[in-house]
């Protein structure tokens, strides 16, 4: 298994989404789906692998039409909201939650782990036909709707999917009306899949637009990746000998989704290697943070203040160059000293 290293992601909060991304988004939102071929692929992730295995769904014409109509409805909704500026793209950030009026954009060239997962889609016509093999079904992760206009780059629509969406595995009793009788129903025994009318993200070229962040992270197995990156970051912090009761700190972070997100965010900061107990202590003093320091100058993790060390390492504290006020960078809240030191 090849380990894929992410490139460091710079601080993007104050950087506008590039114009080319807006142009691509407008082209997607105004896409004439009647001129597009529609293909649907299922993606499963084999054990121990990082690149999905794709298989092609063979669809009846009425199913293809249903997918096309679903996309048309979604694109119209997003297009109307975009034109009214009710929904606007912003740069992808690991730890933020999307507001209803936001979507996120990322440059896939900066995220090789994601890019490599979707590169096989360029040869989707060569995929094997989906035949409901059990091993593939057990590893289902997402599906992709591909809209392809002649002589144009394909557009990929992604949606999280799981084996639970196969109706024969449902905990419900599924019945269907007999074709030759208006009022008699029978149990559904053949395999069937349940597709909803949403998408999690869209890609075209190096542009990825994220509409449902949780779904996006599930599609590209960010939870598994998150645990791995968090563990690596914890080891790095331990090796730098910054926290006196490190084991207590690590135990509080492991398995906690938001804390692991912050640890991954910390891992993207190129200046982490310059952190020293002296520099951290200076920030603690300047902002009056509720973090104690032992006799050796190491930070002491306090379970009553479980976020303070994480926020310190994630560089949440900045000084405004305009007002000179202290701020927490992620919230833009004016920082109040919690205690005098």
Protein backbone atom coordinates (compact mmCIF):
# COMPACT_ATOMS: atom_id res chain seq x y z
CA UNK A 1 0.00 0.00 0.00
CA UNK A 2 1.44 3.35 -1.04
CA UNK A 3 1.31 6.06 1.59
CA UNK A 4 0.18 9.37 0.14
CA UNK A 5 1.48 12.52 1.78
CA UNK A 6 -0.67 15.64 1.64
CA UNK A 7 1.02 18.88 0.70
CA UNK A 8 0.96 21.52 3.43
CA UNK A 9 -2.21 23.59 3.07
CA UNK A 10 -1.60 27.30 3.65
CA UNK A 11 -3.84 29.52 5.75
CA UNK A 12 -6.68 30.40 3.40
CA UNK A 13 -9.21 32.30 5.49
CA UNK A 14 -8.49 35.67 3.92
CA UNK A 15 -7.82 34.48 0.36
CA UNK A 16 -10.60 34.75 -2.20
CA UNK A 17 -11.61 31.71 -4.22
CA UNK A 18 -9.89 32.16 -7.62
CA UNK A 19 -11.89 33.42 -10.55
CA UNK A 20 -11.26 30.27 -12.57
CA UNK A 21 -13.02 28.26 -9.86
CA UNK A 22 -16.04 30.59 -10.09
CA UNK A 23 -16.02 30.16 -13.88
CA UNK A 24 -15.94 26.37 -13.55
CA UNK A 25 -18.74 26.47 -10.99
CA UNK A 26 -20.90 28.65 -13.27
CA UNK A 27 -20.31 26.22 -16.15
CA UNK A 28 -21.38 23.31 -13.97
CA UNK A 29 -24.48 25.07 -12.66
CA UNK A 30 -25.59 26.02 -16.20
CA UNK A 31 -24.83 22.59 -17.64
CA UNK A 32 -27.27 21.41 -20.32
CA UNK A 33 -27.82 17.88 -19.10
CA UNK A 34 -29.90 16.96 -22.14
CA UNK A 35 -26.67 17.19 -24.15
CA UNK A 36 -24.78 14.92 -21.72
CA UNK A 37 -24.28 11.20 -21.56
CA UNK A 38 -25.04 10.00 -18.02
CA UNK A 39 -23.06 7.17 -16.44
CA UNK A 40 -23.26 5.84 -12.87
CA UNK A 41 -20.44 4.00 -11.14
CA UNK A 42 -20.32 2.34 -7.73
CA UNK A 43 -17.12 2.58 -5.69
CA UNK A 44 -15.92 0.09 -3.07
CA UNK A 45 -12.76 0.30 -0.98
CA UNK A 46 -10.93 -3.02 -0.65
CA UNK A 47 -9.38 -3.82 2.72
CA UNK A 48 -5.95 -2.22 3.14
CA UNK A 49 -6.27 -0.11 -0.02
CA UNK A 50 -6.50 3.65 -0.47
CA UNK A 51 -7.78 3.70 -4.08
CA UNK A 52 -11.42 2.65 -4.63
CA UNK A 53 -12.45 -0.13 -6.95
CA UNK A 54 -15.06 1.09 -9.43
CA UNK A 55 -17.74 -0.86 -11.23
CA UNK A 56 -20.20 0.35 -13.85
CA UNK A 57 -23.96 0.18 -13.36
CA UNK A 58 -25.88 -0.88 -16.46
CA UNK A 59 -29.01 1.26 -16.40
CA UNK A 60 -32.35 1.09 -18.15
CA UNK A 61 -33.17 4.26 -20.08
CA UNK A 62 -35.82 5.30 -17.55
CA UNK A 63 -33.26 5.10 -14.71
CA UNK A 64 -30.77 7.19 -16.68
CA UNK A 65 -33.53 9.76 -17.23
CA UNK A 66 -34.28 9.75 -13.49
CA UNK A 67 -30.64 10.50 -12.64
CA UNK A 68 -30.55 13.24 -15.28
CA UNK A 69 -33.73 14.83 -13.90
CA UNK A 70 -32.41 14.63 -10.33
CA UNK A 71 -29.21 16.44 -11.33
CA UNK A 72 -31.16 19.07 -13.25
CA UNK A 73 -33.29 19.82 -10.18
CA UNK A 74 -30.25 20.08 -7.92
CA UNK A 75 -28.28 22.28 -10.31
CA UNK A 76 -31.22 24.64 -10.72
CA UNK A 77 -31.53 24.99 -6.96
CA UNK A 78 -27.82 25.72 -6.54
CA UNK A 79 -27.76 28.00 -9.59
CA UNK A 80 -30.62 30.12 -8.28
CA UNK A 81 -28.97 30.38 -4.87
CA UNK A 82 -25.59 31.25 -6.41
CA UNK A 83 -27.05 33.96 -8.63
CA UNK A 84 -28.78 35.51 -5.63
CA UNK A 85 -25.53 35.17 -3.67
CA UNK A 86 -27.40 33.03 -1.15
CA UNK A 87 -24.70 30.40 -1.48
CA UNK A 88 -21.04 31.24 -2.07
CA UNK A 89 -17.90 29.10 -2.26
CA UNK A 90 -15.10 29.47 0.26
CA UNK A 91 -11.82 27.65 0.65
CA UNK A 92 -11.96 24.20 2.18
CA UNK A 93 -10.83 24.11 5.80
CA UNK A 94 -10.58 20.96 7.83
CA UNK A 95 -12.21 22.09 11.06
CA UNK A 96 -15.00 24.39 9.91
CA UNK A 97 -18.69 23.51 9.60
CA UNK A 98 -20.56 24.77 6.57
CA UNK A 99 -23.37 27.24 7.05
CA UNK A 100 -26.47 26.72 4.87
CA UNK A 101 -25.35 29.53 2.56
CA UNK A 102 -21.84 28.18 2.05
CA UNK A 103 -20.10 25.62 -0.09
CA UNK A 104 -16.39 24.90 -0.08
CA UNK A 105 -13.88 24.67 -2.89
CA UNK A 106 -10.54 22.96 -2.98
CA UNK A 107 -7.79 22.62 -5.55
CA UNK A 108 -7.28 18.89 -6.09
CA UNK A 109 -3.65 19.47 -7.02
CA UNK A 110 -3.12 20.34 -3.35
CA UNK A 111 -4.86 17.16 -2.17
CA UNK A 112 -3.14 14.21 -3.87
CA UNK A 113 -4.84 11.64 -1.60
CA UNK A 114 -8.23 12.72 -2.97
CA UNK A 115 -7.04 13.21 -6.54
CA UNK A 116 -5.60 9.70 -6.72
CA UNK A 117 -8.90 8.23 -5.55
CA UNK A 118 -10.81 9.77 -8.47
CA UNK A 119 -8.20 9.49 -11.24
CA UNK A 120 -9.51 6.04 -12.34
CA UNK A 121 -12.80 7.72 -13.33
CA UNK A 122 -11.06 9.07 -16.43
CA UNK A 123 -11.30 5.54 -17.87
CA UNK A 124 -14.78 4.71 -16.61
CA UNK A 125 -15.75 3.13 -19.94
CA UNK A 126 -13.26 0.37 -19.16
CA UNK A 127 -14.72 -0.49 -15.73
CA UNK A 128 -16.10 -3.94 -15.06
CA UNK A 129 -19.87 -4.28 -15.00
CA UNK A 130 -21.39 -4.37 -11.52
CA UNK A 131 -22.61 -7.92 -10.85
CA UNK A 132 -23.44 -7.77 -7.12
CA UNK A 133 -20.42 -9.73 -5.95
CA UNK A 134 -20.60 -10.02 -2.17
CA UNK A 135 -17.11 -8.73 -1.43
CA UNK A 136 -17.73 -5.61 -3.51
CA UNK A 137 -21.12 -5.04 -1.85
CA UNK A 138 -19.59 -5.30 1.62
CA UNK A 139 -17.09 -2.54 0.79
CA UNK A 140 -19.41 -0.06 -0.93
CA UNK A 141 -18.49 3.52 -0.07
CA UNK A 142 -19.99 5.91 -2.64
CA UNK A 143 -21.35 6.28 -6.15
CA UNK A 144 -20.48 8.73 -8.90
CA UNK A 145 -22.78 10.17 -11.55
CA UNK A 146 -20.74 11.21 -14.59
CA UNK A 147 -22.13 13.86 -16.94
CA UNK A 148 -20.15 13.97 -20.18
CA UNK A 149 -20.69 16.42 -23.03
CA UNK A 150 -18.89 15.66 -26.30
CA UNK A 151 -15.48 17.38 -26.44
CA UNK A 152 -15.78 18.68 -22.87
CA UNK A 153 -14.25 17.62 -19.56
CA UNK A 154 -16.49 15.23 -17.63
CA UNK A 155 -18.23 16.42 -14.49
CA UNK A 156 -18.40 14.05 -11.53
CA UNK A 157 -21.16 14.12 -8.91
CA UNK A 158 -20.38 12.16 -5.74
CA UNK A 159 -22.72 10.75 -3.10
CA UNK A 160 -21.94 8.66 -0.06
CA UNK A 161 -23.39 5.16 -0.27
CA UNK A 162 -23.38 2.07 1.90
CA UNK A 163 -24.52 -1.58 1.82
CA UNK A 164 -27.48 -0.53 4.02
CA UNK A 165 -28.94 1.18 0.96
CA UNK A 166 -29.44 -2.17 -0.68
CA UNK A 167 -33.12 -2.84 0.01
CA UNK A 168 -32.83 -6.57 0.52
CA UNK A 169 -30.64 -5.75 3.55
CA UNK A 170 -33.05 -3.20 4.93
CA UNK A 171 -34.59 -3.66 8.36
CA UNK A 172 -37.92 -2.75 6.77
CA UNK A 173 -40.35 -5.08 5.04
CA UNK A 174 -40.30 -3.83 1.45
CA UNK A 175 -43.35 -4.62 -0.67
CA UNK A 176 -44.28 -3.81 -4.23
CA UNK A 177 -47.51 -3.93 -6.21
CA UNK A 178 -47.91 -6.81 -8.61
CA UNK A 179 -47.84 -5.59 -12.18
CA UNK A 180 -51.00 -7.46 -13.12
CA UNK A 181 -53.07 -6.46 -10.11
CA UNK A 182 -53.88 -2.98 -8.89
CA UNK A 183 -54.40 -3.83 -5.24
CA UNK A 184 -52.30 -6.92 -4.49
CA UNK A 185 -48.79 -6.51 -3.09
CA UNK A 186 -45.91 -8.92 -2.72
CA UNK A 187 -42.63 -8.81 -0.85
CA UNK A 188 -39.64 -7.41 -2.72
CA UNK A 189 -37.15 -10.26 -2.90
CA UNK A 190 -34.91 -9.17 -5.75
CA UNK A 191 -31.92 -6.91 -5.12
CA UNK A 192 -32.62 -3.19 -5.30
CA UNK A 193 -30.72 -0.04 -4.41
CA UNK A 194 -32.02 3.08 -2.74
CA UNK A 195 -30.66 6.33 -4.24
CA UNK A 196 -31.65 9.67 -2.76
CA UNK A 197 -31.83 13.04 -4.53
CA UNK A 198 -28.73 14.69 -3.13
CA UNK A 199 -25.04 15.00 -3.86
CA UNK A 200 -22.14 15.60 -1.49
CA UNK A 201 -19.62 17.17 -3.86
CA UNK A 202 -18.81 17.83 -7.52
CA UNK A 203 -15.48 17.78 -9.32
CA UNK A 204 -14.34 18.99 -12.71
CA UNK A 205 -10.65 19.07 -13.56
CA UNK A 206 -8.77 20.19 -10.45
CA UNK A 207 -11.84 21.86 -8.95
CA UNK A 208 -13.82 20.19 -6.16
CA UNK A 209 -16.98 21.86 -4.83
CA UNK A 210 -18.28 20.57 -1.50
CA UNK A 211 -21.96 20.90 -0.61
CA UNK A 212 -22.29 18.38 2.23
CA UNK A 213 -19.10 18.23 4.27
CA UNK A 214 -19.86 15.10 6.28
CA UNK A 215 -20.71 13.23 3.11
CA UNK A 216 -17.56 14.48 1.39
CA UNK A 217 -15.42 13.23 4.27
CA UNK A 218 -17.12 9.84 4.18
CA UNK A 219 -16.74 9.52 0.40
CA UNK A 220 -13.00 10.07 0.55
CA UNK A 221 -12.52 8.12 3.83
CA UNK A 222 -11.42 11.18 5.75
CA UNK A 223 -12.45 9.53 9.02
CA UNK A 224 -9.86 6.79 8.60
CA UNK A 225 -7.33 9.27 7.29
CA UNK A 226 -8.21 11.59 10.16
CA UNK A 227 -7.39 8.96 12.78
CA UNK A 228 -4.07 8.25 11.10
CA UNK A 229 -3.11 11.92 10.82
CA UNK A 230 -4.20 12.60 14.40
CA UNK A 231 -2.04 9.73 15.68
CA UNK A 232 0.95 11.02 13.70
CA UNK A 233 0.43 14.51 15.11
CA UNK A 234 0.18 13.23 18.66
CA UNK A 235 3.49 11.40 18.24
CA UNK A 236 5.08 14.56 16.87
CA UNK A 237 3.84 16.57 19.87
CA UNK A 238 5.08 13.87 22.22
CA UNK A 239 8.52 13.85 20.58
CA UNK A 240 8.78 17.62 20.96
CA UNK A 241 8.21 17.23 24.71
CA UNK A 242 5.76 20.11 25.01
CA UNK A 243 3.18 18.63 27.42
CA UNK A 244 4.03 17.26 30.86
CA UNK A 245 1.07 14.88 31.22
CA UNK A 246 1.02 13.98 27.53
CA UNK A 247 -0.74 10.62 28.00
CA UNK A 248 -3.78 12.37 29.53
CA UNK A 249 -3.84 14.83 26.63
CA UNK A 250 -3.55 12.05 24.00
CA UNK A 251 -6.28 9.95 25.62
CA UNK A 252 -8.66 12.93 25.56
CA UNK A 253 -7.99 13.50 21.84
CA UNK A 254 -8.21 9.95 20.47
CA UNK A 255 -11.62 9.05 19.15
CA UNK A 256 -12.92 12.63 19.54
CA UNK A 257 -13.87 13.78 16.05
CA UNK A 258 -13.45 17.54 16.51
CA UNK A 259 -10.19 17.20 18.43
CA UNK A 260 -8.79 14.91 15.74
CA UNK A 261 -9.80 17.49 13.12
CA UNK A 262 -7.82 20.12 15.02
CA UNK A 263 -4.83 17.78 15.28
CA UNK A 264 -4.94 17.29 11.52
CA UNK A 265 -5.19 21.05 11.08
CA UNK A 266 -2.10 21.45 13.28
CA UNK A 267 -0.25 18.96 11.07
CA UNK A 268 -0.66 21.27 8.05
CA UNK A 269 1.18 24.14 9.72
CA UNK A 270 4.76 24.37 8.44
CA UNK A 271 6.01 26.27 11.49
CA UNK A 272 5.09 23.59 14.05
CA UNK A 273 8.74 22.54 14.21
CA UNK A 274 9.60 26.00 15.58
CA UNK A 275 7.29 25.65 18.57
CA UNK A 276 9.23 25.57 21.83
CA UNK A 277 8.02 25.62 25.44
CA UNK A 278 9.39 29.17 25.67
CA UNK A 279 7.37 30.43 22.69
CA UNK A 280 4.22 28.71 23.89
CA UNK A 281 4.68 30.14 27.37
CA UNK A 282 5.02 33.63 25.89
CA UNK A 283 1.68 33.26 24.08
CA UNK A 284 0.06 31.94 27.26
CA UNK A 285 1.33 34.98 29.16
CA UNK A 286 0.29 37.45 26.44
CA UNK A 287 -3.27 36.13 26.15
CA UNK A 288 -3.76 35.09 29.75
CA UNK A 289 -4.69 31.55 28.74
CA UNK A 290 -5.84 29.10 31.41
CA UNK A 291 -2.91 26.73 30.85
CA UNK A 292 -0.60 25.85 33.73
CA UNK A 293 3.12 25.24 33.28
CA UNK A 294 5.22 22.90 35.41
CA UNK A 295 8.65 23.55 36.91
CA UNK A 296 10.36 22.30 33.73
CA UNK A 297 8.40 24.76 31.59
CA UNK A 298 6.08 22.10 30.08
CA UNK A 299 2.37 22.61 29.50
CA UNK A 300 -0.03 20.83 31.85
CA UNK A 301 -3.16 19.41 30.25
CA UNK A 302 -6.25 20.27 32.29
CA UNK A 303 -9.38 18.19 31.53
CA UNK A 304 -11.47 21.12 32.80
CA UNK A 305 -10.07 23.21 29.92
CA UNK A 306 -9.88 20.48 27.24
CA UNK A 307 -9.54 22.77 24.20
CA UNK A 308 -6.94 25.29 25.32
CA UNK A 309 -3.74 23.41 24.42
CA UNK A 310 -5.21 22.36 21.07
CA UNK A 311 -6.18 25.95 20.24
CA UNK A 312 -2.74 27.14 21.29
CA UNK A 313 -0.98 24.64 19.01
CA UNK A 314 -3.43 25.41 16.18
CA UNK A 315 -2.47 29.10 16.44
CA UNK A 316 -5.94 30.38 17.22
CA UNK A 317 -4.59 33.52 18.85
CA UNK A 318 -3.63 36.54 16.74
CA UNK A 319 -3.28 40.29 17.11
CA UNK A 320 -5.17 42.56 14.72
CA UNK A 321 -2.79 44.76 12.75
CA UNK A 322 -5.53 47.41 12.63
CA UNK A 323 -6.89 47.61 16.16
CA UNK A 324 -4.17 45.87 18.15
CA UNK A 325 -6.86 43.71 19.77
CA UNK A 326 -6.29 40.06 20.61
CA UNK A 327 -8.47 37.63 18.63
CA UNK A 328 -9.21 33.94 18.36
CA UNK A 329 -8.50 33.44 14.67
CA UNK A 330 -11.09 30.76 13.85
CA UNK A 331 -14.01 32.63 15.36
CA UNK A 332 -12.90 36.25 14.94
CA UNK A 333 -14.12 36.72 18.52
CA UNK A 334 -12.27 39.30 20.54
CA UNK A 335 -10.26 37.35 23.06
CA UNK A 336 -10.78 38.15 26.71
CA UNK A 337 -8.13 37.19 29.20
CA UNK A 338 -9.49 34.37 31.33
CA UNK A 339 -7.12 35.01 34.17
CA UNK A 340 -4.12 37.09 35.09
CA UNK A 341 -0.86 35.26 35.27
